[in-house]
Protein backbone atom coordinates (compact mmCIF):
# COMPACT_ATOMS: atom_id res chain seq x y z
CA UNK A 1 4.02 -31.29 21.50
CA UNK A 2 6.19 -32.75 18.85
CA UNK A 3 9.05 -30.92 17.25
CA UNK A 4 7.42 -31.41 13.84
CA UNK A 5 4.24 -29.61 14.97
CA UNK A 6 6.17 -26.63 16.36
CA UNK A 7 8.29 -26.44 13.22
CA UNK A 8 5.22 -26.59 10.96
CA UNK A 9 3.32 -24.00 13.05
CA UNK A 10 6.31 -21.64 13.03
CA UNK A 11 6.71 -22.01 9.28
CA UNK A 12 3.00 -21.28 8.74
CA UNK A 13 3.15 -18.23 11.04
CA UNK A 14 6.12 -16.79 9.16
CA UNK A 15 4.39 -17.45 5.83
CA UNK A 16 1.22 -15.75 7.08
CA UNK A 17 3.17 -12.69 8.27
CA UNK A 18 5.03 -12.46 4.96
CA UNK A 19 1.80 -12.77 3.00
CA UNK A 20 0.11 -10.10 5.14
CA UNK A 21 3.10 -7.78 4.64
CA UNK A 22 2.91 -8.18 0.88
CA UNK A 23 -0.84 -7.49 0.87
CA UNK A 24 -0.39 -4.35 3.01
CA UNK A 25 2.47 -3.16 0.78
CA UNK A 26 0.43 -3.65 -2.40
CA UNK A 27 -2.56 -1.90 -0.83
CA UNK A 28 -0.40 1.12 0.02
CA UNK A 29 1.05 1.22 -3.53
CA UNK A 30 -2.43 1.06 -5.10
CA UNK A 31 -3.72 3.79 -2.77
CA UNK A 32 -0.80 6.13 -3.51
CA UNK A 33 -1.11 5.52 -7.25
CA UNK A 34 -4.89 6.05 -7.20
CA UNK A 35 -4.68 9.27 -5.19
CA UNK A 36 -1.71 10.65 -7.15
CA UNK A 37 -3.01 9.94 -10.64
CA UNK A 38 -5.24 13.06 -10.88
CA UNK A 39 -2.25 15.27 -10.04
CA UNK A 40 -0.16 13.67 -12.77
CA UNK A 41 -3.02 14.11 -15.23
CA UNK A 42 -3.15 17.85 -14.46
CA UNK A 43 0.56 18.59 -14.24
CA UNK A 44 2.11 15.84 -16.33
CA UNK A 45 4.69 13.31 -15.24
CA UNK A 46 7.71 14.90 -16.93
CA UNK A 47 6.75 18.42 -15.82
CA UNK A 48 6.48 17.11 -12.27
CA UNK A 49 9.76 15.21 -12.40
CA UNK A 50 11.90 17.73 -14.28
CA UNK A 51 10.21 21.02 -13.34
CA UNK A 52 12.20 23.49 -11.28
CA UNK A 53 9.37 25.50 -9.68
CA UNK A 54 7.45 24.35 -6.60
CA UNK A 55 4.50 26.68 -6.10
CA UNK A 56 1.40 24.71 -5.12
CA UNK A 57 -0.74 27.86 -4.97
CA UNK A 58 -0.02 28.44 -8.67
CA UNK A 59 -0.30 24.78 -9.64
CA UNK A 60 3.42 24.38 -10.32
CA UNK A 61 4.85 21.14 -8.97
CA UNK A 62 8.44 20.52 -10.04
CA UNK A 63 10.62 18.33 -7.85
CA UNK A 64 13.93 18.41 -9.72
CA UNK A 65 15.63 20.68 -7.12
CA UNK A 66 14.48 18.32 -4.36
CA UNK A 67 15.88 15.31 -6.21
CA UNK A 68 19.20 17.06 -6.85
CA UNK A 69 19.38 18.19 -3.20
CA UNK A 70 18.74 14.64 -2.03
CA UNK A 71 21.51 13.36 -4.30
CA UNK A 72 23.93 16.00 -2.94
CA UNK A 73 23.18 14.98 0.63
CA UNK A 74 23.44 11.27 -0.21
CA UNK A 75 26.78 11.57 -1.98
CA UNK A 76 28.04 14.02 0.64
CA UNK A 77 27.34 11.46 3.33
CA UNK A 78 29.40 8.86 1.51
């Protein structure tokens, strides 16, 4: 086998893997967006993002304390 053939085959294999990774990534993003959209329609994006109560049984989904806690841990680790 020639060096050119191996080089070309390797390049095509890497391209195929990269393309497959991008397709899988986009499929995951579309799935998460599609499944999460009804929740955002019920609760609202800003209520979800800046709400302080997390009580799924009552339909309250605020993640601000979780975001702040994550930031504390991140900056504490630095």
